[in-house]
Amino acid sequence: MDLLIRAVQNRRVKVDDSEIGKLRNTIESVPAANQTMTIYLEHRPGKPARDVTLHLRWKTISILPPTNKSKKYAPVSFTAILITEADPPTGEEPLEWLLLTTLSIETFQQAAQCVLWYRFRWLIECYHFVLKSGCHLEKLQLETAERLERALALYCIVAWRLLYLTYLARNTPDASCEVIFQTHEWQALHAFTYQTNVLPTLPPSLHETTRLVAKLGGFLARKGDGEPGVQTIWRGLRRLDDLSSMWLLLNSPRSQAAPWSCG
């Protein structure tokens, strides 16, 4: 298994089995590559989406253990990659990542691939957030590991579908909502939202439908709110499940033949 992690501490490092210095000073002394790369950063809380042009520099180093534990632990070899933003917009804090990887980095393309992988860190954190906070995976009290694995397999699908819907609605807003939602789901959502049984002839867009679902989960859709996140969409989908089940019940042939009555 290889690692790609973010460096936090400015550790003591050894280069070429002799030179000893600090991690940041060592990597900053390496000239940046002649090439640059541009990536698109998704919207994050407090951070708008934008394109970022990056300089890359990298070097193979060995991180030394703390002095008081040097007899217990051996140095660990990594390739350090320093990613810095070339021309940040006015008022924006420049992007900077200091990464450590066990992968061998010899070319700009290999270093750039690590940057592209690390770019998905926020998406991965959202995935884990859905598993822990949405599915309450950590609160499961199952008696065996086998049962826990089965629950995890199911919740992984739930979390994936939720993230897929969230980002697909942002990237392909004009697509038909039926790429994700079944017909009775968007019909129930439309009828409940607008309090009418007159349905549109064509399915609404995925963007519009997703926002309506998020409103069920507490999304206010104010001008400065941006796009809904996974939490409000998650709560909205749970409500939509109840609404669509009732919609199917009320519109089944049996219910139309024998209408509900009281008394």
Protein backbone atom coordinates (compact mmCIF):
# COMPACT_ATOMS: atom_id res chain seq x y z
CA MET A 1 0.00 0.00 0.00
CA ASP A 2 1.33 3.43 -0.94
CA LEU A 3 0.59 6.64 0.93
CA LEU A 4 -0.25 10.16 -0.19
CA ILE A 5 -0.67 12.40 2.86
CA ARG A 6 -0.48 16.04 3.87
CA ALA A 7 2.58 17.09 5.92
CA VAL A 8 1.72 18.97 9.13
CA GLN A 9 4.91 19.20 11.18
CA ASN A 10 8.16 20.68 9.87
CA ARG A 11 10.15 17.52 10.62
CA ARG A 12 13.89 17.00 10.60
CA VAL A 13 14.92 15.32 7.37
CA LYS A 14 17.97 13.70 5.86
CA VAL A 15 18.84 14.05 2.17
CA ASP A 16 21.23 11.74 0.32
CA ASP A 17 22.24 10.02 3.58
CA SER A 18 24.12 13.05 4.83
CA GLU A 19 22.51 16.50 4.77
CA ILE A 20 20.16 17.19 7.70
CA GLY A 21 17.69 20.07 7.78
CA LYS A 22 14.02 20.91 8.12
CA LEU A 23 11.42 19.55 5.73
CA ARG A 24 10.04 22.87 4.51
CA ASN A 25 13.43 24.52 4.03
CA THR A 26 14.68 21.50 2.12
CA ILE A 27 11.81 21.35 -0.33
CA GLU A 28 11.64 25.14 -0.77
CA SER A 29 15.29 25.14 -1.84
CA VAL A 30 14.43 22.92 -4.83
CA PRO A 31 13.80 24.91 -8.05
CA ALA A 32 10.22 24.72 -9.28
CA ALA A 33 9.62 22.72 -12.43
CA ASN A 34 9.42 24.65 -15.69
CA GLN A 35 5.88 23.36 -16.24
CA THR A 36 2.71 24.41 -14.43
CA MET A 37 -0.63 22.69 -14.07
CA THR A 38 -4.15 24.06 -13.65
CA ILE A 39 -6.83 22.33 -11.60
CA TYR A 40 -10.41 23.20 -10.76
CA LEU A 41 -11.20 23.40 -7.06
CA GLU A 42 -14.79 22.67 -6.14
CA HIS A 43 -16.80 24.93 -3.84
CA ARG A 44 -16.04 24.36 -0.17
CA PRO A 45 -17.47 26.07 2.93
CA GLY A 46 -16.21 29.65 2.81
CA LYS A 47 -14.28 29.00 -0.40
CA PRO A 48 -15.77 29.65 -3.86
CA ALA A 49 -14.97 27.33 -6.75
CA ARG A 50 -12.14 28.54 -8.99
CA ASP A 51 -9.33 27.49 -11.34
CA VAL A 52 -5.89 27.32 -9.73
CA THR A 53 -2.54 27.37 -11.57
CA LEU A 54 0.18 25.57 -9.64
CA HIS A 55 3.97 25.32 -9.45
CA LEU A 56 5.41 21.95 -8.41
CA ARG A 57 8.70 20.98 -6.81
CA TRP A 58 9.64 17.63 -5.33
CA LYS A 59 12.53 15.79 -3.69
CA THR A 60 13.14 12.39 -2.10
CA ILE A 61 13.90 12.74 1.60
CA SER A 62 14.07 10.66 4.78
CA ILE A 63 12.12 11.88 7.79
CA LEU A 64 14.07 11.38 11.00
CA PRO A 65 12.38 10.20 14.20
CA PRO A 66 12.36 12.48 17.26
CA THR A 67 15.74 12.67 18.96
CA ASN A 68 14.52 10.92 22.09
CA LYS A 69 13.19 8.01 20.00
CA SER A 70 16.01 7.66 17.48
CA LYS A 71 17.03 4.26 18.88
CA LYS A 72 13.49 2.88 18.64
CA TYR A 73 12.45 4.12 15.18
CA ALA A 74 14.26 4.22 11.86
CA PRO A 75 14.06 7.07 9.32
CA VAL A 76 11.16 6.84 6.86
CA SER A 77 11.71 7.60 3.18
CA PHE A 78 9.19 9.76 1.30
CA THR A 79 9.00 11.98 -1.73
CA ALA A 80 8.00 15.47 -0.64
CA ILE A 81 5.94 17.52 -3.12
CA LEU A 82 5.41 21.23 -2.56
CA ILE A 83 2.46 22.69 -4.49
CA THR A 84 2.14 26.50 -4.59
CA GLU A 85 -0.32 28.71 -6.45
CA ALA A 86 1.19 30.85 -9.19
CA ASP A 87 -1.09 33.91 -9.32
CA PRO A 88 -3.80 33.89 -6.65
CA PRO A 89 -6.72 36.31 -7.09
CA THR A 90 -6.61 39.53 -5.12
CA GLY A 91 -7.75 38.96 -1.58
CA GLU A 92 -7.51 35.16 -1.83
CA GLU A 93 -5.05 33.20 0.27
CA PRO A 94 -2.68 31.34 -2.09
CA LEU A 95 -3.17 27.60 -2.26
CA GLU A 96 -0.27 25.62 -0.80
CA TRP A 97 -0.02 21.89 -0.17
CA LEU A 98 3.00 20.06 1.18
CA LEU A 99 2.48 16.40 0.40
CA LEU A 100 4.39 13.27 1.31
CA THR A 101 4.15 10.09 -0.75
CA THR A 102 5.79 6.70 -0.81
CA LEU A 103 5.42 6.66 -4.59
CA SER A 104 8.51 7.20 -6.71
CA ILE A 105 8.39 10.65 -8.37
CA GLU A 106 10.81 11.27 -11.20
CA THR A 107 8.84 13.33 -13.72
CA PHE A 108 6.48 16.29 -13.70
CA GLN A 109 3.65 14.05 -14.90
CA GLN A 110 4.07 11.73 -11.91
CA ALA A 111 4.06 14.66 -9.48
CA ALA A 112 1.02 16.15 -11.23
CA GLN A 113 -0.83 12.84 -10.87
CA CYS A 114 -0.35 13.00 -7.10
CA VAL A 115 -1.82 16.50 -7.10
CA LEU A 116 -4.87 15.29 -9.03
CA TRP A 117 -5.35 12.45 -6.54
CA TYR A 118 -5.03 14.74 -3.54
CA ARG A 119 -7.51 17.16 -5.11
CA PHE A 120 -10.24 14.63 -4.29
CA ARG A 121 -9.49 14.77 -0.56
CA TRP A 122 -12.48 17.04 0.13
CA LEU A 123 -14.80 14.71 -1.79
CA ILE A 124 -13.47 11.73 0.18
CA GLU A 125 -14.05 13.62 3.43
CA CYS A 126 -17.63 14.33 2.34
CA TYR A 127 -18.06 10.62 1.66
CA HIS A 128 -16.85 9.75 5.15
CA PHE A 129 -19.07 12.51 6.58
CA VAL A 130 -22.12 10.89 4.98
CA LEU A 131 -21.15 7.47 6.34
CA LYS A 132 -20.58 8.75 9.89
CA SER A 133 -23.08 11.59 10.30
CA GLY A 134 -25.76 10.57 7.80
CA CYS A 135 -25.75 6.79 8.12
CA HIS A 136 -24.52 6.87 11.75
CA LEU A 137 -22.14 4.06 10.92
CA GLU A 138 -20.13 4.50 14.12
CA LYS A 139 -23.28 4.13 16.24
CA LEU A 140 -24.18 0.69 14.94
CA GLN A 141 -24.28 -1.87 17.72
CA LEU A 142 -23.97 -5.12 15.82
CA GLU A 143 -22.73 -8.24 17.53
CA THR A 144 -20.37 -9.60 14.88
CA ALA A 145 -17.87 -8.21 12.38
CA GLU A 146 -19.70 -10.02 9.59
CA ARG A 147 -22.90 -8.07 10.29
CA LEU A 148 -20.94 -4.83 10.44
CA GLU A 149 -19.38 -5.57 7.05
CA ARG A 150 -22.83 -6.19 5.55
CA ALA A 151 -24.13 -2.90 6.95
CA LEU A 152 -21.06 -1.09 5.65
CA ALA A 153 -21.55 -2.55 2.17
CA LEU A 154 -25.12 -1.21 2.10
CA TYR A 155 -24.27 2.21 3.53
CA CYS A 156 -21.39 2.63 1.08
CA ILE A 157 -23.93 2.43 -1.75
CA VAL A 158 -26.19 4.96 0.00
CA ALA A 159 -23.28 7.38 0.54
CA TRP A 160 -22.07 6.96 -3.04
CA ARG A 161 -25.53 7.63 -4.49
CA LEU A 162 -25.91 10.76 -2.36
CA LEU A 163 -22.54 12.19 -3.41
CA TYR A 164 -23.18 11.23 -7.04
CA LEU A 165 -26.48 13.14 -7.00
CA THR A 166 -24.93 16.17 -5.27
CA TYR A 167 -22.12 16.63 -7.77
CA LEU A 168 -23.98 15.49 -10.88
CA ALA A 169 -26.58 18.20 -10.27
CA ARG A 170 -23.78 20.78 -10.20
CA ASN A 171 -21.86 19.49 -13.22
CA THR A 172 -24.81 18.63 -15.50
CA PRO A 173 -27.62 20.89 -14.23
CA ASP A 174 -29.67 20.75 -17.46
CA ALA A 175 -29.89 16.96 -17.59
CA SER A 176 -33.28 15.33 -17.04
CA CYS A 177 -33.94 14.48 -13.42
CA GLU A 178 -34.83 10.95 -14.53
CA VAL A 179 -31.13 10.12 -14.83
CA ILE A 180 -31.34 9.80 -11.02
CA PHE A 181 -34.98 9.97 -9.92
CA GLN A 182 -37.78 7.61 -10.86
CA THR A 183 -40.88 9.07 -12.46
CA HIS A 184 -43.08 8.71 -9.39
CA GLU A 185 -40.40 10.38 -7.23
CA TRP A 186 -40.22 13.65 -9.16
CA GLN A 187 -44.00 13.64 -9.62
CA ALA A 188 -44.55 13.31 -5.88
CA LEU A 189 -41.97 16.04 -5.24
CA HIS A 190 -43.63 18.41 -7.72
CA ALA A 191 -47.13 17.77 -6.38
CA PHE A 192 -46.06 18.31 -2.76
CA THR A 193 -43.92 21.39 -3.45
CA TYR A 194 -46.49 23.24 -5.55
CA GLN A 195 -49.60 21.72 -3.91
CA THR A 196 -51.10 20.59 -7.20
CA ASN A 197 -51.91 17.39 -9.03
CA VAL A 198 -51.27 19.04 -12.42
CA LEU A 199 -47.90 17.64 -13.48
CA PRO A 200 -45.52 18.95 -16.18
CA THR A 201 -45.46 16.98 -19.41
CA LEU A 202 -41.65 16.73 -19.32
CA PRO A 203 -39.48 15.86 -16.33
CA PRO A 204 -37.83 18.91 -14.74
CA SER A 205 -34.08 19.39 -14.83
CA LEU A 206 -31.79 17.59 -12.42
CA HIS A 207 -30.66 20.91 -10.93
CA GLU A 208 -34.21 22.07 -10.19
CA THR A 209 -35.25 18.71 -8.75
CA THR A 210 -32.19 18.48 -6.52
CA ARG A 211 -32.83 21.92 -5.08
CA LEU A 212 -36.44 20.99 -4.34
CA VAL A 213 -35.24 17.87 -2.57
CA ALA A 214 -32.76 19.95 -0.56
CA LYS A 215 -35.57 22.33 0.45
CA LEU A 216 -37.35 19.35 1.99
CA GLY A 217 -34.21 18.91 4.09
CA GLY A 218 -33.96 22.53 5.24
CA PHE A 219 -32.11 24.22 2.36
CA LEU A 220 -33.30 27.85 2.22
CA ALA A 221 -32.18 28.58 -1.37
CA ARG A 222 -31.34 32.19 -0.62
CA LYS A 223 -29.32 34.17 -3.14
CA GLY A 224 -26.04 33.78 -1.26
CA ASP A 225 -26.51 30.16 -0.19
CA GLY A 226 -24.86 28.59 -3.23
CA GLU A 227 -25.68 25.02 -4.13
CA PRO A 228 -27.13 22.60 -1.56
CA GLY A 229 -24.77 20.27 0.24
CA VAL A 230 -24.94 16.60 1.08
CA GLN A 231 -26.55 17.13 4.49
CA THR A 232 -29.69 18.94 3.29
CA ILE A 233 -30.01 16.64 0.27
CA TRP A 234 -29.68 13.62 2.57
CA ARG A 235 -32.50 14.83 4.83
CA GLY A 236 -34.61 15.75 1.80
CA LEU A 237 -34.21 12.31 0.23
CA ARG A 238 -35.48 10.69 3.41
CA ARG A 239 -38.62 12.84 3.27
CA LEU A 240 -38.98 12.24 -0.46
CA ASP A 241 -39.00 8.49 0.15
CA ASP A 242 -42.13 8.87 2.31
CA LEU A 243 -43.78 11.27 -0.16
CA SER A 244 -43.15 9.03 -3.16
CA SER A 245 -44.45 5.96 -1.31
CA MET A 246 -47.70 7.78 -0.52
CA TRP A 247 -47.88 9.03 -4.12
CA LEU A 248 -47.69 5.47 -5.42
CA LEU A 249 -50.34 4.38 -2.94
CA LEU A 250 -52.78 7.15 -3.86
CA ASN A 251 -52.25 6.69 -7.60
CA SER A 252 -52.42 2.91 -7.74
CA PRO A 253 -55.32 1.36 -9.72
CA ARG A 254 -56.77 -0.05 -6.51
CA SER A 255 -56.94 3.31 -4.77
CA GLN A 256 -58.59 4.90 -7.81
CA ALA A 257 -61.22 2.15 -7.96
CA ALA A 258 -62.02 2.38 -4.23
CA PRO A 259 -61.40 5.92 -2.99
CA TRP A 260 -60.64 6.55 0.65
CA SER A 261 -63.55 7.42 2.88
CA CYS A 262 -63.97 8.33 6.53
CA GLY A 263 -66.78 7.25 8.86
